[in-house]
């Protein structure tokens, strides 16, 4: 189903619940103040509001915070395509910081490029958002592994 407001494909209610419940158990995301703004098949958006705790000495979003939300967005994008009773872990990722990230918030978008039986590859994008205007500030690529869940 598609969201009329955004034009983005939405996950099923069951998948949305599975992703959000898992995200809510992420200590780092809670500590940073990040939240999920969109869950769709093979695509997840995570928003990180601007706060002094997530910036570096020039006032820009810290590269560590930017990278963390990008990694997490990609991980959950992959997870949307995994069967129940499986888990996801990042194998590797590379991120290019294209411009200083400054704005009201940043939005990380993880998009599955190729989903395999074991490994999945995602595209990572991070946008700085200021007064409704989005600017690409980081992009990267990530490889994730699908693991059997507990008892599998």
N, C-alpha and C. Protein backbone atom coordinates (compact mmCIF):
# COMPACT_ATOMS: atom_id res chain seq x y z
N UNK A 1 0.84 -1.17 0.00
CA UNK A 1 0.00 0.00 0.00
C UNK A 1 0.89 1.24 0.00
N UNK A 2 0.41 2.30 -0.62
CA UNK A 2 1.20 3.52 -0.77
C UNK A 2 0.62 4.63 0.11
N UNK A 3 1.50 5.39 0.73
CA UNK A 3 1.10 6.55 1.53
C UNK A 3 0.78 7.69 0.58
N UNK A 4 -0.47 8.16 0.58
CA UNK A 4 -0.89 9.23 -0.33
C UNK A 4 -0.11 10.52 -0.11
N UNK A 5 0.29 10.77 1.12
CA UNK A 5 1.00 12.01 1.46
C UNK A 5 2.43 12.01 0.93
N UNK A 6 3.13 10.87 1.07
CA UNK A 6 4.54 10.82 0.68
C UNK A 6 4.79 10.12 -0.64
N UNK A 7 3.85 9.30 -1.09
CA UNK A 7 4.05 8.52 -2.30
C UNK A 7 4.93 7.30 -2.08
N UNK A 8 5.31 7.03 -0.83
CA UNK A 8 6.18 5.90 -0.52
C UNK A 8 5.35 4.66 -0.19
N UNK A 9 5.84 3.52 -0.62
CA UNK A 9 5.17 2.26 -0.29
C UNK A 9 5.32 1.98 1.20
N UNK A 10 4.23 1.60 1.83
CA UNK A 10 4.20 1.33 3.26
C UNK A 10 4.32 -0.17 3.53
N UNK A 11 4.94 -0.51 4.64
CA UNK A 11 5.00 -1.90 5.08
C UNK A 11 3.63 -2.33 5.58
N UNK A 12 3.43 -3.63 5.64
CA UNK A 12 2.20 -4.15 6.23
C UNK A 12 2.19 -3.76 7.71
N UNK A 13 1.03 -3.71 8.34
CA UNK A 13 0.98 -3.39 9.77
C UNK A 13 1.83 -4.34 10.61
N UNK A 14 1.88 -5.62 10.23
CA UNK A 14 2.66 -6.59 10.99
C UNK A 14 4.17 -6.30 10.86
N UNK A 15 4.60 -5.99 9.64
CA UNK A 15 6.02 -5.68 9.43
C UNK A 15 6.39 -4.38 10.12
N UNK A 16 5.55 -3.38 10.01
CA UNK A 16 5.80 -2.10 10.66
C UNK A 16 5.98 -2.31 12.17
N UNK A 17 5.10 -3.10 12.76
CA UNK A 17 5.17 -3.38 14.20
C UNK A 17 6.47 -4.11 14.54
N UNK A 18 6.84 -5.11 13.75
CA UNK A 18 8.06 -5.88 13.99
C UNK A 18 9.29 -4.97 13.96
N UNK A 19 9.36 -4.08 12.98
CA UNK A 19 10.51 -3.18 12.84
C UNK A 19 10.55 -2.20 14.01
N UNK A 20 9.43 -1.58 14.31
CA UNK A 20 9.40 -0.57 15.37
C UNK A 20 9.68 -1.17 16.75
N UNK A 21 9.17 -2.37 17.01
CA UNK A 21 9.46 -3.01 18.30
C UNK A 21 10.94 -3.33 18.44
N UNK A 22 11.55 -3.79 17.37
CA UNK A 22 12.99 -4.06 17.40
C UNK A 22 13.77 -2.75 17.58
N UNK A 23 13.39 -1.73 16.84
CA UNK A 23 14.06 -0.42 16.94
C UNK A 23 13.98 0.12 18.37
N UNK A 24 12.84 -0.06 19.01
CA UNK A 24 12.66 0.44 20.38
C UNK A 24 13.59 -0.24 21.38
N UNK A 25 14.15 -1.39 21.02
CA UNK A 25 15.10 -2.08 21.89
C UNK A 25 16.54 -1.62 21.65
N UNK A 26 16.74 -0.71 20.70
CA UNK A 26 18.08 -0.22 20.37
C UNK A 26 18.48 0.86 21.37
N UNK A 27 19.40 0.54 22.24
CA UNK A 27 19.84 1.51 23.24
C UNK A 27 20.46 2.76 22.65
N UNK A 28 21.30 2.60 21.63
CA UNK A 28 21.97 3.76 21.05
C UNK A 28 20.98 4.71 20.38
N UNK A 29 20.03 4.16 19.64
CA UNK A 29 19.06 5.03 18.96
C UNK A 29 18.23 5.81 19.98
N UNK A 30 17.84 5.15 21.06
CA UNK A 30 17.11 5.85 22.12
C UNK A 30 17.97 6.92 22.77
N UNK A 31 19.23 6.60 23.02
CA UNK A 31 20.15 7.55 23.62
C UNK A 31 20.35 8.78 22.73
N UNK A 32 20.44 8.55 21.41
CA UNK A 32 20.62 9.67 20.48
C UNK A 32 19.34 10.49 20.29
N UNK A 33 18.18 9.87 20.54
CA UNK A 33 16.91 10.56 20.33
C UNK A 33 16.35 10.36 18.93
N UNK A 34 16.81 9.30 18.24
CA UNK A 34 16.36 9.01 16.88
C UNK A 34 15.02 8.29 16.90
N UNK A 35 14.27 8.43 15.80
CA UNK A 35 13.01 7.69 15.66
C UNK A 35 12.79 7.33 14.18
N UNK A 36 12.01 6.29 13.97
CA UNK A 36 11.67 5.86 12.62
C UNK A 36 10.55 6.75 12.10
N UNK A 37 10.72 7.25 10.87
CA UNK A 37 9.67 8.07 10.25
C UNK A 37 8.97 7.34 9.10
N UNK A 38 9.56 6.26 8.60
CA UNK A 38 8.94 5.51 7.50
C UNK A 38 9.46 4.09 7.49
N UNK A 39 8.54 3.14 7.29
CA UNK A 39 8.89 1.74 7.09
C UNK A 39 8.16 1.27 5.84
N UNK A 40 8.92 0.81 4.87
CA UNK A 40 8.36 0.23 3.65
C UNK A 40 9.16 -1.00 3.28
N UNK A 41 8.66 -1.80 2.37
CA UNK A 41 9.42 -2.98 1.95
C UNK A 41 10.78 -2.57 1.36
N UNK A 42 11.85 -2.97 2.03
CA UNK A 42 13.18 -2.65 1.55
C UNK A 42 13.61 -1.21 1.73
N UNK A 43 12.91 -0.45 2.58
CA UNK A 43 13.24 0.97 2.75
C UNK A 43 12.80 1.44 4.14
N UNK A 44 13.74 2.07 4.86
CA UNK A 44 13.45 2.62 6.19
C UNK A 44 14.09 4.00 6.31
N UNK A 45 13.36 4.94 6.90
CA UNK A 45 13.85 6.29 7.17
C UNK A 45 13.94 6.48 8.68
N UNK A 46 15.05 7.05 9.13
CA UNK A 46 15.24 7.35 10.54
C UNK A 46 15.59 8.83 10.67
N UNK A 47 14.92 9.51 11.59
CA UNK A 47 15.13 10.94 11.83
C UNK A 47 15.88 11.12 13.14
N UNK A 48 16.88 11.99 13.10
CA UNK A 48 17.63 12.36 14.30
C UNK A 48 17.53 13.87 14.47
N UNK A 49 16.77 14.34 15.48
CA UNK A 49 16.64 15.78 15.72
C UNK A 49 17.97 16.40 16.16
N UNK A 50 18.15 17.66 15.82
CA UNK A 50 19.35 18.40 16.24
C UNK A 50 19.28 18.65 17.74
N UNK A 51 20.37 18.33 18.41
CA UNK A 51 20.55 18.59 19.83
C UNK A 51 22.04 18.73 20.06
N UNK A 52 22.46 19.48 21.05
CA UNK A 52 23.90 19.64 21.30
C UNK A 52 24.61 18.30 21.52
N UNK A 53 23.91 17.32 22.06
CA UNK A 53 24.53 16.02 22.37
C UNK A 53 24.93 15.22 21.13
N UNK A 54 24.41 15.56 19.95
CA UNK A 54 24.74 14.81 18.73
C UNK A 54 25.59 15.62 17.76
N UNK A 55 26.16 16.72 18.26
CA UNK A 55 26.98 17.57 17.39
C UNK A 55 28.46 17.47 17.76
N UNK A 56 29.28 17.99 16.87
CA UNK A 56 30.71 18.08 17.15
C UNK A 56 31.05 19.53 17.47
N UNK A 57 32.33 19.85 17.58
CA UNK A 57 32.77 21.14 18.10
C UNK A 57 32.42 22.33 17.21
N UNK A 58 32.08 22.12 15.93
CA UNK A 58 31.67 23.22 15.05
C UNK A 58 30.14 23.39 15.02
N UNK A 59 29.44 22.51 15.72
CA UNK A 59 27.99 22.59 15.74
C UNK A 59 27.29 21.74 14.70
N UNK A 60 28.05 21.04 13.85
CA UNK A 60 27.47 20.13 12.86
C UNK A 60 27.11 18.81 13.54
N UNK A 61 26.20 18.07 12.92
CA UNK A 61 25.94 16.72 13.41
C UNK A 61 27.26 15.95 13.37
N UNK A 62 27.55 15.22 14.42
CA UNK A 62 28.78 14.45 14.51
C UNK A 62 28.74 13.30 13.49
N UNK A 63 29.89 13.01 12.88
CA UNK A 63 29.97 11.92 11.91
C UNK A 63 29.56 10.59 12.54
N UNK A 64 29.85 10.39 13.81
CA UNK A 64 29.46 9.16 14.48
C UNK A 64 27.95 9.01 14.57
N UNK A 65 27.27 10.10 14.87
CA UNK A 65 25.80 10.06 14.94
C UNK A 65 25.22 9.87 13.55
N UNK A 66 25.78 10.58 12.58
CA UNK A 66 25.33 10.46 11.18
C UNK A 66 25.50 9.02 10.70
N UNK A 67 26.66 8.44 10.97
CA UNK A 67 26.94 7.07 10.55
C UNK A 67 26.05 6.06 11.26
N UNK A 68 25.81 6.28 12.55
CA UNK A 68 24.99 5.35 13.32
C UNK A 68 23.56 5.27 12.80
N UNK A 69 22.96 6.42 12.49
CA UNK A 69 21.58 6.37 11.99
C UNK A 69 21.54 5.82 10.56
N UNK A 70 22.58 6.07 9.77
CA UNK A 70 22.63 5.50 8.42
C UNK A 70 22.73 3.97 8.49
N UNK A 71 23.63 3.47 9.33
CA UNK A 71 23.80 2.03 9.51
C UNK A 71 22.50 1.39 9.97
N UNK A 72 21.83 2.01 10.90
CA UNK A 72 20.59 1.46 11.45
C UNK A 72 19.47 1.49 10.41
N UNK A 73 19.37 2.56 9.63
CA UNK A 73 18.35 2.63 8.58
C UNK A 73 18.54 1.51 7.56
N UNK A 74 19.79 1.28 7.16
CA UNK A 74 20.05 0.19 6.22
C UNK A 74 19.74 -1.17 6.82
N UNK A 75 20.12 -1.36 8.07
CA UNK A 75 19.84 -2.63 8.73
C UNK A 75 18.36 -2.94 8.78
N UNK A 76 17.56 -1.95 9.12
CA UNK A 76 16.12 -2.20 9.19
C UNK A 76 15.49 -2.30 7.81
N UNK A 77 16.06 -1.62 6.81
CA UNK A 77 15.57 -1.80 5.43
C UNK A 77 15.73 -3.26 5.02
N UNK A 78 16.91 -3.82 5.31
CA UNK A 78 17.15 -5.24 5.00
C UNK A 78 16.19 -6.13 5.79
N UNK A 79 16.02 -5.82 7.07
CA UNK A 79 15.19 -6.62 7.96
C UNK A 79 13.74 -6.70 7.48
N UNK A 80 13.26 -5.66 6.78
CA UNK A 80 11.88 -5.68 6.27
C UNK A 80 11.66 -6.81 5.27
N UNK A 81 12.74 -7.29 4.65
CA UNK A 81 12.62 -8.34 3.63
C UNK A 81 12.98 -9.72 4.16
N UNK A 82 13.38 -9.80 5.42
CA UNK A 82 13.77 -11.08 6.01
C UNK A 82 12.53 -11.79 6.56
N UNK A 83 12.55 -13.12 6.53
CA UNK A 83 11.43 -13.86 7.11
C UNK A 83 11.41 -13.74 8.63
N UNK A 84 10.26 -14.07 9.21
CA UNK A 84 10.16 -14.07 10.67
C UNK A 84 11.18 -15.04 11.24
N UNK A 85 11.50 -14.85 12.51
CA UNK A 85 12.46 -15.69 13.24
C UNK A 85 13.86 -15.60 12.66
N UNK A 86 14.19 -14.44 12.10
CA UNK A 86 15.56 -14.18 11.66
C UNK A 86 16.02 -12.88 12.29
N UNK A 87 17.32 -12.66 12.22
CA UNK A 87 17.94 -11.45 12.78
C UNK A 87 18.83 -10.84 11.71
N UNK A 88 19.25 -9.61 11.93
CA UNK A 88 20.13 -8.91 10.98
C UNK A 88 21.33 -8.36 11.73
N UNK A 89 22.50 -8.45 11.09
CA UNK A 89 23.72 -7.84 11.61
C UNK A 89 24.47 -7.20 10.45
N UNK A 90 25.10 -6.07 10.72
CA UNK A 90 25.94 -5.42 9.72
C UNK A 90 27.26 -6.18 9.60
N UNK A 91 27.66 -6.47 8.38
CA UNK A 91 28.94 -7.09 8.10
C UNK A 91 29.98 -6.00 7.85
N UNK A 92 29.61 -5.00 7.05
CA UNK A 92 30.49 -3.86 6.79
C UNK A 92 29.67 -2.72 6.21
N UNK A 93 30.22 -1.51 6.35
CA UNK A 93 29.63 -0.38 5.64
C UNK A 93 30.68 0.68 5.44
N UNK A 94 30.46 1.46 4.40
CA UNK A 94 31.32 2.59 4.09
C UNK A 94 30.42 3.78 3.88
N UNK A 95 30.85 4.89 4.44
CA UNK A 95 30.05 6.11 4.29
C UNK A 95 30.95 7.25 3.86
N UNK A 96 30.47 8.04 2.93
CA UNK A 96 31.17 9.25 2.49
C UNK A 96 30.41 10.44 3.05
N UNK A 97 31.13 11.30 3.76
CA UNK A 97 30.54 12.53 4.28
C UNK A 97 30.74 13.60 3.21
N UNK A 98 29.64 14.04 2.60
CA UNK A 98 29.70 14.92 1.44
C UNK A 98 29.68 16.40 1.77
N UNK A 99 29.07 16.73 2.89
CA UNK A 99 28.95 18.13 3.31
C UNK A 99 28.67 18.16 4.80
N UNK A 100 29.01 19.27 5.47
CA UNK A 100 28.66 19.37 6.89
C UNK A 100 27.14 19.21 7.08
N UNK A 101 26.78 18.43 8.06
CA UNK A 101 25.37 18.17 8.33
C UNK A 101 24.86 19.16 9.36
N UNK A 102 24.10 20.13 8.90
CA UNK A 102 23.52 21.14 9.78
C UNK A 102 22.05 21.32 9.40
N UNK A 103 21.20 21.45 10.41
CA UNK A 103 19.78 21.62 10.14
C UNK A 103 18.95 21.34 11.37
N UNK A 104 17.64 21.31 11.16
CA UNK A 104 16.70 20.99 12.23
C UNK A 104 16.84 19.53 12.65
N UNK A 105 17.13 18.68 11.64
CA UNK A 105 17.34 17.26 11.87
C UNK A 105 18.05 16.67 10.67
N UNK A 106 18.51 15.43 10.85
CA UNK A 106 18.98 14.66 9.71
C UNK A 106 18.05 13.49 9.53
N UNK A 107 17.95 13.04 8.28
CA UNK A 107 17.11 11.89 7.95
C UNK A 107 17.97 10.88 7.20
N UNK A 108 18.12 9.70 7.77
CA UNK A 108 18.86 8.62 7.13
C UNK A 108 17.87 7.72 6.41
N UNK A 109 18.22 7.37 5.18
CA UNK A 109 17.37 6.51 4.36
C UNK A 109 18.18 5.28 3.97
N UNK A 110 17.71 4.12 4.37
CA UNK A 110 18.31 2.86 3.96
C UNK A 110 17.43 2.21 2.92
N UNK A 111 18.04 1.80 1.80
CA UNK A 111 17.30 1.19 0.70
C UNK A 111 18.01 -0.07 0.25
N UNK A 112 17.29 -1.16 0.19
CA UNK A 112 17.87 -2.43 -0.25
C UNK A 112 18.16 -2.37 -1.75
N UNK A 113 19.40 -2.68 -2.10
CA UNK A 113 19.79 -2.79 -3.51
C UNK A 113 19.68 -4.23 -3.99
N UNK A 114 20.07 -5.18 -3.13
CA UNK A 114 20.02 -6.60 -3.48
C UNK A 114 19.83 -7.40 -2.20
N UNK A 115 18.77 -8.17 -2.16
CA UNK A 115 18.50 -9.02 -1.01
C UNK A 115 18.76 -10.46 -1.40
N UNK A 116 19.69 -11.09 -0.69
CA UNK A 116 20.01 -12.48 -0.96
C UNK A 116 19.60 -13.39 0.19
N UNK A 117 19.87 -14.68 0.04
CA UNK A 117 19.51 -15.64 1.09
C UNK A 117 20.31 -15.40 2.36
N UNK A 118 21.58 -14.98 2.20
CA UNK A 118 22.45 -14.76 3.34
C UNK A 118 22.86 -13.30 3.47
N UNK A 119 23.35 -12.71 2.38
CA UNK A 119 23.83 -11.33 2.41
C UNK A 119 22.88 -10.40 1.67
N UNK A 120 22.75 -9.20 2.21
CA UNK A 120 21.93 -8.15 1.60
C UNK A 120 22.77 -6.89 1.51
N UNK A 121 22.65 -6.17 0.39
CA UNK A 121 23.38 -4.93 0.17
C UNK A 121 22.39 -3.78 0.15
N UNK A 122 22.73 -2.72 0.90
CA UNK A 122 21.86 -1.54 0.99
C UNK A 122 22.61 -0.28 0.60
N UNK A 123 21.85 0.65 0.07
CA UNK A 123 22.33 2.01 -0.16
C UNK A 123 21.96 2.83 1.06
N UNK A 124 22.88 3.69 1.49
CA UNK A 124 22.64 4.57 2.63
C UNK A 124 22.71 6.01 2.17
N UNK A 125 21.74 6.81 2.56
CA UNK A 125 21.75 8.24 2.27
C UNK A 125 21.37 8.98 3.54
N UNK A 126 22.02 10.11 3.77
CA UNK A 126 21.66 10.95 4.91
C UNK A 126 21.45 12.37 4.38
N UNK A 127 20.32 12.93 4.76
CA UNK A 127 19.96 14.28 4.35
C UNK A 127 19.89 15.18 5.58
N UNK A 128 20.45 16.38 5.46
CA UNK A 128 20.22 17.41 6.48
C UNK A 128 18.97 18.15 6.05
N UNK A 129 18.08 18.40 7.00
CA UNK A 129 16.81 19.06 6.70
C UNK A 129 16.74 20.36 7.50
N UNK A 130 16.59 21.46 6.78
CA UNK A 130 16.48 22.79 7.40
C UNK A 130 15.30 23.51 6.77
N UNK A 131 14.31 23.87 7.58
CA UNK A 131 13.12 24.58 7.09
C UNK A 131 12.47 23.85 5.90
N UNK A 132 12.43 22.52 5.98
CA UNK A 132 11.78 21.73 4.94
C UNK A 132 12.64 21.44 3.72
N UNK A 133 13.83 22.01 3.62
CA UNK A 133 14.73 21.77 2.49
C UNK A 133 15.71 20.66 2.84
N UNK A 134 15.82 19.68 1.95
CA UNK A 134 16.71 18.53 2.17
C UNK A 134 17.99 18.70 1.36
N UNK A 135 19.11 18.36 2.00
CA UNK A 135 20.41 18.40 1.33
C UNK A 135 21.14 17.09 1.64
N UNK A 136 21.60 16.41 0.59
CA UNK A 136 22.34 15.17 0.77
C UNK A 136 23.69 15.50 1.41
N UNK A 137 23.96 14.92 2.59
CA UNK A 137 25.21 15.21 3.30
C UNK A 137 26.09 13.98 3.46
N UNK A 138 25.54 12.80 3.22
CA UNK A 138 26.34 11.57 3.31
C UNK A 138 25.67 10.48 2.48
N UNK A 139 26.51 9.63 1.91
CA UNK A 139 25.97 8.44 1.25
C UNK A 139 26.95 7.30 1.43
N UNK A 140 26.44 6.09 1.28
CA UNK A 140 27.31 4.94 1.47
C UNK A 140 26.64 3.67 1.04
N UNK A 141 27.32 2.58 1.33
CA UNK A 141 26.82 1.25 1.00
C UNK A 141 27.13 0.32 2.16
N UNK A 142 26.30 -0.69 2.31
CA UNK A 142 26.37 -1.56 3.48
C UNK A 142 26.06 -3.00 3.07
N UNK A 143 26.72 -3.93 3.72
CA UNK A 143 26.42 -5.35 3.56
C UNK A 143 25.95 -5.88 4.90
N UNK A 144 24.87 -6.64 4.87
CA UNK A 144 24.27 -7.19 6.09
C UNK A 144 24.14 -8.69 5.94
N UNK A 145 24.10 -9.39 7.06
CA UNK A 145 23.93 -10.83 7.06
C UNK A 145 22.62 -11.18 7.77
N UNK A 146 21.92 -12.15 7.19
CA UNK A 146 20.71 -12.66 7.81
C UNK A 146 21.08 -13.87 8.64
N UNK A 147 20.68 -13.84 9.90
CA UNK A 147 20.96 -14.93 10.84
C UNK A 147 19.64 -15.55 11.27
N UNK A 148 19.68 -16.84 11.57
CA UNK A 148 18.51 -17.47 12.16
C UNK A 148 18.33 -16.92 13.56
N UNK A 149 17.07 -16.72 13.93
CA UNK A 149 16.76 -16.19 15.25
C UNK A 149 16.91 -17.24 16.32
N UNK A 150 16.58 -16.88 17.54
CA UNK A 150 16.67 -17.83 18.67
C UNK A 150 15.87 -19.10 18.39
N UNK A 151 16.47 -20.22 18.70
CA UNK A 151 15.78 -21.49 18.53
C UNK A 151 15.78 -22.03 17.12
N UNK A 152 16.46 -21.38 16.21
CA UNK A 152 16.47 -21.80 14.81
C UNK A 152 17.68 -22.64 14.49
